[in-house]
Amino acid sequence: MTMYQKQQQEKKEKERTALLSLLEEMLDPNVFGMRPCVHGGDVQRTAAELGIPWREMIDFSASVNSLGPSPKVLKAICDNLWQIPFYPDPCSELLKESISKHIGGIDEGNVIVGNGSTELIWLFSDILLSDSDKVIIPAPTYGEYETAISKKGAKPIFLNLDQEKEFRIVYEDVIDRISYEKPKMVFICNPNNPPSKVIGREEMLSIVEECARKNVFVFVDEAYVDFVDKPWEVTVAPEVNDYWNLFVLHSMTKIYGMPGLRVGYGISNHEFINVLERVKQPWNVNCLAQVAAIEGLKDEDHLRKTRKIITSGRKYLAEKIESFKSLHLYKPEANFLLININKVEMTAAQLKGKLARKRILIRDCSSFRNMDRYHVRVSVRTPEQNQRLIEALKITV
């Protein structure tokens, strides 16, 4: 490096330091303390790093319907391209009507629609939390809960789940922590991600009732509930009118196979939904996403086909993975499987790298709180793709 280049580099570094100092003075201080959230599904970047066309990658890292969206959804999108020159319905009224019929026991006033379910996690946290509020978050779980509350300066209280109990959320542990910490709210992902464990409907409602007595909001994320064997024995969405403190989140990303369109929805009592509607961004869900979601909710045949593939695929993968002496499988209840690879002479990151070179992408779970670097998550995909994963594992672990 020449003297001139060194001087230029030092100048740029000083400018960068000065800019960071200025930003720290002008921006919300909570922003600088936020922990970046890692997600699965980063197929494009991984493929680019390996020099592989990204459409050749089989993505087991994102727990999304491997069949993709219903063909009727794709047709509806094509049939409604004429809507693009117009603003979309800012309140997604027709979609709300479809959602209320799909859930049952609620009406359009119980529903808010978001640009992906994560927008609603952030919106919920924005209106409810302030500096020093306590929020209970099981660990491990979906990382955006922590990111959303950190932006508001709230304090996360992590309920570390017991590995010996397969990271299952235990009712008594939740209630004990709530009684001790006296939080403003609690996040519960059901089925939980990545442990793939379910809390039954009655047990969840008992948590909600106890929290109501203690003036604690309960945010129940049911993004994966449609993948469990008996979702009606798990979901608490139809019960929102009976509890002032219950908010239930659903996603069109997962079982409807539409992550690229970004549609999610929240369900709660009328009064709370009215507050959320007043502060949400206008036109937050585009016209084609609204049309696609409505059509997706209608296509029960596609859902039945999906559930059949998930049920058989989960059983196949569980049986095959359990046959590996070097792998420990936590019994799955959703459309993804958590695996402990501690007996394999490599970390989750190393296994992910080896499989990526075979055009298979898995989720390294080391970014989740309360989870070590020897856990990976794989989603259930088509029979042929599931077989590809097992064959790849045979020659890798």
Protein backbone atom coordinates (compact mmCIF):
# COMPACT_ATOMS: atom_id res chain seq x y z
CA MET A 1 0.00 0.00 0.00
CA THR A 2 1.40 3.39 -0.97
CA MET A 3 1.60 6.35 1.42
CA TYR A 4 -1.19 8.09 -0.54
CA GLN A 5 -3.47 5.04 -0.32
CA LYS A 6 -2.81 4.76 3.40
CA GLN A 7 -3.70 8.43 3.90
CA GLN A 8 -6.91 8.02 1.92
CA GLN A 9 -7.85 4.97 3.96
CA GLU A 10 -7.24 6.83 7.22
CA LYS A 11 -9.32 9.74 5.95
CA LYS A 12 -12.25 7.49 5.08
CA GLU A 13 -12.04 5.81 8.48
CA LYS A 14 -12.14 9.18 10.26
CA GLU A 15 -15.14 10.23 8.16
CA ARG A 16 -16.90 6.98 8.97
CA THR A 17 -16.24 7.38 12.70
CA ALA A 18 -17.52 10.96 12.62
CA LEU A 19 -20.70 9.90 10.80
CA LEU A 20 -21.39 7.09 13.28
CA SER A 21 -20.92 9.54 16.13
CA LEU A 22 -23.40 11.95 14.54
CA LEU A 23 -25.95 9.18 13.94
CA GLU A 24 -25.70 8.06 17.56
CA GLU A 25 -26.58 11.60 18.64
CA MET A 26 -29.52 11.98 16.25
CA LEU A 27 -31.11 8.52 16.13
CA ASP A 28 -33.10 6.61 18.72
CA PRO A 29 -30.47 5.02 21.01
CA ASN A 30 -32.42 1.74 21.05
CA VAL A 31 -31.53 1.23 17.38
CA PHE A 32 -27.83 0.81 18.16
CA GLY A 33 -28.51 -1.89 20.72
CA MET A 34 -30.60 -4.08 18.43
CA ARG A 35 -29.43 -7.61 17.70
CA PRO A 36 -29.71 -8.46 13.99
CA CYS A 37 -32.12 -11.32 13.36
CA VAL A 38 -30.93 -14.22 11.20
CA HIS A 39 -33.44 -16.00 8.96
CA GLY A 40 -33.53 -19.10 6.81
CA GLY A 41 -34.42 -19.07 3.13
CA ASP A 42 -31.39 -17.08 1.97
CA VAL A 43 -31.10 -19.17 -1.18
CA GLN A 44 -29.96 -16.43 -3.54
CA ARG A 45 -26.94 -15.35 -1.47
CA THR A 46 -25.83 -18.92 -0.69
CA ALA A 47 -26.08 -19.95 -4.34
CA ALA A 48 -24.18 -16.86 -5.48
CA GLU A 49 -21.35 -17.60 -3.04
CA LEU A 50 -21.05 -21.14 -4.44
CA GLY A 51 -21.51 -20.14 -8.06
CA ILE A 52 -24.67 -22.24 -8.36
CA PRO A 53 -27.88 -21.09 -10.11
CA TRP A 54 -30.13 -20.44 -7.13
CA ARG A 55 -33.12 -22.22 -8.60
CA GLU A 56 -31.08 -25.45 -8.46
CA MET A 57 -30.90 -25.25 -4.66
CA ILE A 58 -33.36 -27.31 -2.59
CA ASP A 59 -34.32 -25.10 0.32
CA PHE A 60 -34.84 -27.08 3.53
CA SER A 61 -33.95 -23.97 5.56
CA ALA A 62 -37.32 -22.21 5.13
CA SER A 63 -40.38 -24.00 6.53
CA VAL A 64 -42.67 -23.20 3.61
CA ASN A 65 -45.07 -25.35 1.59
CA SER A 66 -42.83 -27.18 -0.89
CA LEU A 67 -45.68 -27.34 -3.41
CA GLY A 68 -45.69 -23.57 -3.61
CA PRO A 69 -48.93 -21.61 -3.97
CA SER A 70 -52.11 -23.04 -5.39
CA PRO A 71 -52.27 -22.93 -9.21
CA LYS A 72 -55.50 -20.96 -8.70
CA VAL A 73 -53.49 -18.31 -6.87
CA LEU A 74 -51.12 -17.91 -9.80
CA LYS A 75 -54.06 -17.64 -12.22
CA ALA A 76 -55.73 -15.02 -10.01
CA ILE A 77 -52.53 -12.95 -10.01
CA CYS A 78 -52.34 -13.05 -13.81
CA ASP A 79 -56.05 -12.22 -14.13
CA ASN A 80 -55.68 -9.15 -11.91
CA LEU A 81 -52.60 -7.47 -13.31
CA TRP A 82 -54.95 -4.72 -14.48
CA GLN A 83 -55.16 -3.53 -10.84
CA ILE A 84 -51.50 -2.44 -10.72
CA PRO A 85 -52.12 1.19 -11.91
CA PHE A 86 -54.54 1.69 -8.99
CA TYR A 87 -53.98 2.01 -5.25
CA PRO A 88 -54.85 -1.19 -3.38
CA ASP A 89 -57.67 -1.31 -0.86
CA PRO A 90 -55.97 0.26 2.19
CA CYS A 91 -57.99 -1.88 4.61
CA SER A 92 -57.96 -5.18 2.64
CA GLU A 93 -61.71 -5.50 3.23
CA LEU A 94 -62.39 -8.42 0.88
CA LEU A 95 -59.45 -10.32 2.29
CA LYS A 96 -60.65 -9.70 5.84
CA GLU A 97 -64.03 -11.14 4.88
CA SER A 98 -62.34 -14.27 3.49
CA ILE A 99 -60.19 -14.62 6.62
CA SER A 100 -63.16 -14.31 8.99
CA LYS A 101 -65.02 -17.06 7.10
CA HIS A 102 -61.89 -19.23 7.08
CA ILE A 103 -61.30 -18.92 10.84
CA GLY A 104 -64.93 -19.07 11.97
CA GLY A 105 -66.34 -17.47 15.10
CA ILE A 106 -65.04 -14.01 14.18
CA ASP A 107 -65.95 -11.19 11.79
CA GLU A 108 -64.00 -8.71 9.67
CA GLY A 109 -63.65 -6.36 12.64
CA ASN A 110 -61.49 -8.94 14.40
CA VAL A 111 -58.88 -8.95 11.63
CA ILE A 112 -55.92 -6.79 10.63
CA VAL A 113 -53.83 -7.62 7.54
CA GLY A 114 -50.12 -6.99 7.29
CA ASN A 115 -47.32 -6.94 4.74
CA GLY A 116 -46.16 -10.29 6.07
CA SER A 117 -46.79 -11.44 9.62
CA THR A 118 -43.55 -9.84 10.83
CA GLU A 119 -44.94 -6.36 10.09
CA LEU A 120 -47.66 -7.10 12.64
CA ILE A 121 -45.14 -8.25 15.25
CA TRP A 122 -43.41 -4.88 14.90
CA LEU A 123 -46.71 -2.96 14.83
CA PHE A 124 -47.97 -4.75 17.95
CA SER A 125 -44.73 -3.95 19.80
CA ASP A 126 -44.75 -0.33 18.58
CA ILE A 127 -48.12 0.53 20.09
CA LEU A 128 -47.87 -1.55 23.25
CA LEU A 129 -44.32 -1.14 24.55
CA SER A 130 -42.08 1.60 25.84
CA ASP A 131 -38.72 1.88 27.59
CA SER A 132 -38.24 -0.52 30.53
CA ASP A 133 -41.34 -2.63 29.84
CA LYS A 134 -40.66 -6.33 30.42
CA VAL A 135 -41.52 -8.93 27.79
CA ILE A 136 -41.24 -12.68 28.29
CA ILE A 137 -39.88 -14.59 25.31
CA PRO A 138 -39.25 -18.34 25.32
CA ALA A 139 -35.82 -19.35 24.04
CA PRO A 140 -35.28 -20.68 21.48
CA THR A 141 -38.00 -19.13 19.33
CA TYR A 142 -38.51 -16.79 16.36
CA GLY A 143 -35.94 -14.00 16.57
CA GLU A 144 -38.07 -11.09 15.35
CA TYR A 145 -39.89 -10.88 18.68
CA GLU A 146 -36.68 -9.76 20.35
CA THR A 147 -35.79 -7.41 17.49
CA ALA A 148 -39.21 -5.73 17.57
CA ILE A 149 -39.21 -5.09 21.31
CA SER A 150 -35.57 -3.96 21.33
CA LYS A 151 -36.50 -1.17 18.94
CA LYS A 152 -38.87 0.14 21.62
CA GLY A 153 -36.31 -0.16 24.41
CA ALA A 154 -38.29 -2.88 26.19
CA LYS A 155 -36.47 -5.52 28.22
CA PRO A 156 -36.64 -9.14 27.01
CA ILE A 157 -36.94 -11.74 29.76
CA PHE A 158 -35.87 -15.05 28.25
CA LEU A 159 -37.57 -18.22 29.42
CA ASN A 160 -34.87 -20.74 28.59
CA LEU A 161 -36.51 -23.97 27.48
CA ASP A 162 -35.07 -27.25 28.76
CA GLN A 163 -33.22 -29.33 26.19
CA GLU A 164 -33.95 -32.45 28.26
CA LYS A 165 -37.65 -31.72 27.69
CA GLU A 166 -36.97 -31.25 23.95
CA PHE A 167 -37.32 -27.45 24.29
CA ARG A 168 -41.05 -27.77 24.98
CA ILE A 169 -42.84 -24.73 26.46
CA VAL A 170 -44.16 -25.85 29.88
CA TYR A 171 -47.29 -24.19 31.30
CA GLU A 172 -46.04 -24.05 34.88
CA ASP A 173 -42.74 -22.45 33.85
CA VAL A 174 -44.54 -19.73 31.90
CA ILE A 175 -46.90 -18.92 34.79
CA ASP A 176 -44.09 -18.91 37.36
CA ARG A 177 -42.01 -16.49 35.28
CA ILE A 178 -44.99 -14.20 34.69
CA SER A 179 -45.78 -14.14 38.41
CA TYR A 180 -42.17 -13.30 39.28
CA GLU A 181 -41.29 -10.81 36.53
CA LYS A 182 -44.68 -9.08 36.14
CA PRO A 183 -44.19 -8.37 32.41
CA LYS A 184 -46.38 -6.30 30.14
CA MET A 185 -46.65 -9.07 27.57
CA VAL A 186 -45.50 -12.53 26.54
CA PHE A 187 -44.75 -13.96 23.10
CA ILE A 188 -45.59 -17.61 22.42
CA CYS A 189 -44.96 -19.27 19.07
CA ASN A 190 -47.26 -22.28 18.69
CA PRO A 191 -46.01 -24.56 17.16
CA ASN A 192 -42.71 -23.17 18.37
CA ASN A 193 -39.87 -22.53 15.91
CA PRO A 194 -37.38 -24.24 15.79
CA PRO A 195 -38.30 -26.94 18.37
CA SER A 196 -41.43 -27.98 16.38
CA LYS A 197 -43.42 -28.43 19.60
CA VAL A 198 -47.11 -27.69 20.19
CA ILE A 199 -49.06 -26.38 23.17
CA GLY A 200 -52.63 -27.73 23.23
CA ARG A 201 -55.56 -25.34 22.93
CA GLU A 202 -56.83 -25.74 26.49
CA GLU A 203 -53.39 -25.24 27.98
CA MET A 204 -52.83 -22.13 25.88
CA LEU A 205 -56.16 -20.67 26.95
CA SER A 206 -55.22 -21.34 30.57
CA ILE A 207 -52.09 -19.24 30.01
CA VAL A 208 -54.20 -16.48 28.44
CA GLU A 209 -56.67 -16.54 31.35
CA GLU A 210 -53.91 -16.34 33.96
CA CYS A 211 -52.27 -13.50 32.05
CA ALA A 212 -55.60 -11.64 31.86
CA ARG A 213 -55.82 -11.74 35.66
CA LYS A 214 -52.34 -10.25 35.86
CA ASN A 215 -52.93 -7.61 33.11
CA VAL A 216 -50.48 -9.23 30.70
CA PHE A 217 -50.95 -9.28 26.91
CA VAL A 218 -50.42 -12.62 25.14
CA PHE A 219 -49.17 -12.65 21.56
CA VAL A 220 -49.70 -16.15 20.08
CA ASP A 221 -47.91 -16.74 16.79
CA GLU A 222 -49.69 -19.55 14.93
CA ALA A 223 -47.77 -19.23 11.67
CA TYR A 224 -47.28 -23.01 11.48
CA VAL A 225 -50.51 -24.21 13.07
CA ASP A 226 -52.01 -25.41 9.79
CA PHE A 227 -49.21 -27.99 9.47
CA VAL A 228 -50.03 -29.89 12.69
CA ASP A 229 -52.14 -33.03 12.53
CA LYS A 230 -55.20 -31.54 14.25
CA PRO A 231 -54.95 -27.73 14.03
CA TRP A 232 -58.42 -27.24 15.57
CA GLU A 233 -57.02 -28.75 18.81
CA VAL A 234 -54.26 -26.13 18.85
CA THR A 235 -55.51 -22.80 17.47
CA VAL A 236 -57.01 -20.21 19.80
CA ALA A 237 -57.90 -17.78 17.00
CA PRO A 238 -61.71 -18.32 17.25
CA GLU A 239 -61.57 -17.38 20.95
CA VAL A 240 -60.27 -13.80 20.63
CA ASN A 241 -63.58 -12.16 21.54
CA ASP A 242 -63.53 -13.89 24.93
CA TYR A 243 -60.17 -12.42 26.01
CA TRP A 244 -59.19 -8.75 26.06
CA ASN A 245 -55.47 -9.63 26.17
CA LEU A 246 -55.21 -12.14 23.30
CA PHE A 247 -53.69 -11.43 19.87
CA VAL A 248 -53.22 -14.31 17.41
CA LEU A 249 -50.95 -14.12 14.37
CA HIS A 250 -51.36 -16.17 11.18
CA SER A 251 -49.28 -16.20 8.01
CA MET A 252 -50.01 -16.73 4.33
CA THR A 253 -46.30 -17.44 3.85
CA LYS A 254 -46.09 -20.95 5.26
CA ILE A 255 -48.82 -23.38 4.27
CA TYR A 256 -50.04 -21.17 1.41
CA GLY A 257 -46.52 -21.05 -0.07
CA MET A 258 -46.44 -17.30 -0.75
CA PRO A 259 -43.38 -15.85 1.06
CA GLY A 260 -42.58 -13.58 -1.87
CA LEU A 261 -45.94 -11.80 -1.70
CA ARG A 262 -45.77 -10.89 2.03
CA VAL A 263 -49.20 -11.40 3.57
CA GLY A 264 -49.99 -12.08 7.21
CA TYR A 265 -52.92 -11.31 9.45
CA GLY A 266 -53.65 -10.76 13.11
CA ILE A 267 -56.82 -11.59 15.04
CA SER A 268 -57.99 -9.94 18.25
CA ASN A 269 -60.97 -8.18 19.83
CA HIS A 270 -62.57 -5.29 17.92
CA GLU A 271 -61.26 -2.57 20.21
CA PHE A 272 -57.62 -3.59 19.94
CA ILE A 273 -57.84 -4.13 16.18
CA ASN A 274 -59.30 -0.62 15.82
CA VAL A 275 -56.24 0.81 17.57
CA LEU A 276 -53.87 -1.14 15.32
CA GLU A 277 -55.77 -0.03 12.21
CA ARG A 278 -55.37 3.62 13.17
CA VAL A 279 -51.57 3.41 13.33
CA LYS A 280 -50.65 0.89 10.63
CA GLN A 281 -49.09 2.07 7.37
CA PRO A 282 -51.58 2.93 4.58
CA TRP A 283 -51.74 0.59 1.56
CA ASN A 284 -49.50 -1.88 3.37
CA VAL A 285 -50.67 -4.91 1.34
CA ASN A 286 -50.44 -4.66 -2.44
CA CYS A 287 -53.34 -5.47 -4.76
CA LEU A 288 -51.92 -8.74 -6.12
CA ALA A 289 -51.07 -10.01 -2.65
CA GLN A 290 -54.66 -9.39 -1.55
CA VAL A 291 -56.07 -11.23 -4.57
CA ALA A 292 -53.63 -14.12 -4.09
CA ALA A 293 -54.45 -14.50 -0.41
CA ILE A 294 -58.21 -14.56 -1.06
CA GLU A 295 -57.80 -17.27 -3.68
CA GLY A 296 -55.41 -19.25 -1.48
CA LEU A 297 -57.90 -19.35 1.37
CA LYS A 298 -60.56 -20.71 -1.00
CA ASP A 299 -58.54 -23.64 -2.36
CA GLU A 300 -59.22 -26.37 0.21
CA ASP A 301 -58.05 -29.07 -2.21
CA HIS A 302 -54.55 -27.58 -2.31
CA LEU A 303 -54.49 -27.44 1.50
CA ARG A 304 -55.58 -31.08 1.80
CA LYS A 305 -52.91 -32.15 -0.67
CA THR A 306 -50.31 -30.15 1.22
CA ARG A 307 -51.25 -31.62 4.60
CA LYS A 308 -51.09 -35.14 3.19
CA ILE A 309 -47.57 -34.56 1.83
CA ILE A 310 -46.45 -32.92 5.08
CA THR A 311 -47.79 -35.73 7.27
CA SER A 312 -46.19 -38.50 5.23
CA GLY A 313 -42.98 -36.51 4.68
CA ARG A 314 -42.59 -35.74 8.38
CA LYS A 315 -42.98 -39.42 9.22
CA TYR A 316 -40.46 -40.43 6.53
CA LEU A 317 -37.83 -37.91 7.57
CA ALA A 318 -38.28 -38.70 11.27
CA GLU A 319 -37.82 -42.42 10.70
CA LYS A 320 -34.77 -41.96 8.47
CA ILE A 321 -33.07 -39.37 10.69
CA GLU A 322 -33.62 -41.49 13.80
CA SER A 323 -31.79 -44.33 12.04
CA PHE A 324 -28.56 -42.26 12.05
CA LYS A 325 -26.58 -43.08 15.21
CA SER A 326 -24.84 -39.71 15.05
CA LEU A 327 -28.07 -37.66 14.92
CA HIS A 328 -30.61 -36.96 17.65
CA LEU A 329 -34.08 -35.96 16.50
CA TYR A 330 -36.52 -34.02 18.67
CA LYS A 331 -39.96 -35.44 17.91
CA PRO A 332 -41.51 -33.03 15.36
CA GLU A 333 -45.11 -31.79 15.46
CA ALA A 334 -45.01 -29.18 12.67
CA ASN A 335 -43.57 -29.12 9.14
CA PHE A 336 -39.94 -28.88 10.26
CA LEU A 337 -37.56 -31.03 12.30
CA LEU A 338 -34.93 -29.97 14.85
CA ILE A 339 -31.83 -32.16 14.92
CA ASN A 340 -28.92 -32.31 17.38
CA ILE A 341 -25.68 -33.16 15.52
CA ASN A 342 -23.42 -33.07 18.59
CA LYS A 343 -22.09 -36.58 17.84
CA VAL A 344 -21.10 -35.58 14.31
CA GLU A 345 -17.55 -34.22 14.10
CA MET A 346 -18.66 -30.87 12.72
CA THR A 347 -20.71 -27.84 13.72
CA ALA A 348 -24.07 -26.83 12.30
CA ALA A 349 -22.32 -24.22 10.15
CA GLN A 350 -19.93 -26.82 8.77
CA LEU A 351 -22.72 -29.28 7.99
CA LYS A 352 -24.69 -26.50 6.33
CA GLY A 353 -21.68 -25.68 4.14
CA LYS A 354 -21.12 -29.30 3.10
CA LEU A 355 -24.77 -29.81 2.18
CA ALA A 356 -24.93 -26.47 0.36
CA ARG A 357 -22.23 -27.70 -2.01
CA LYS A 358 -24.60 -30.59 -2.77
CA ARG A 359 -27.29 -27.99 -3.59
CA ILE A 360 -29.18 -28.57 -0.35
CA LEU A 361 -29.75 -25.67 2.07
CA ILE A 362 -30.50 -26.34 5.75
CA ARG A 363 -30.93 -23.99 8.73
CA ASP A 364 -27.99 -23.53 11.08
CA CYS A 365 -29.75 -22.91 14.42
CA SER A 366 -26.77 -21.43 16.28
CA SER A 367 -28.26 -17.92 15.87
CA PHE A 368 -31.22 -18.85 18.11
CA ARG A 369 -30.90 -17.95 21.79
CA ASN A 370 -30.43 -20.88 24.17
CA MET A 371 -29.32 -23.14 21.33
CA ASP A 372 -25.75 -24.28 20.75
CA ARG A 373 -23.81 -24.63 17.50
CA TYR A 374 -24.75 -28.28 17.10
CA HIS A 375 -28.39 -27.92 16.11
CA VAL A 376 -29.90 -27.73 12.62
CA ARG A 377 -33.45 -27.46 11.32
CA VAL A 378 -34.84 -29.00 8.15
CA SER A 379 -38.29 -28.51 6.67
CA VAL A 380 -40.49 -31.20 5.16
CA ARG A 381 -40.51 -31.01 1.39
CA THR A 382 -41.67 -33.26 -1.49
CA PRO A 383 -41.00 -37.02 -1.31
CA GLU A 384 -38.25 -36.77 -3.93
CA GLN A 385 -36.56 -33.84 -2.19
CA ASN A 386 -36.80 -35.50 1.22
CA GLN A 387 -35.06 -38.53 -0.23
CA ARG A 388 -32.33 -36.27 -1.66
CA LEU A 389 -31.70 -34.87 1.82
CA ILE A 390 -31.41 -38.31 3.40
CA GLU A 391 -29.03 -39.51 0.69
CA ALA A 392 -26.88 -36.42 1.18
CA LEU A 393 -26.79 -36.96 4.94
CA LYS A 394 -25.71 -40.58 4.45
CA ILE A 395 -22.49 -39.51 2.76
CA THR A 396 -21.93 -36.43 4.92
CA VAL A 397 -22.51 -37.47 8.54
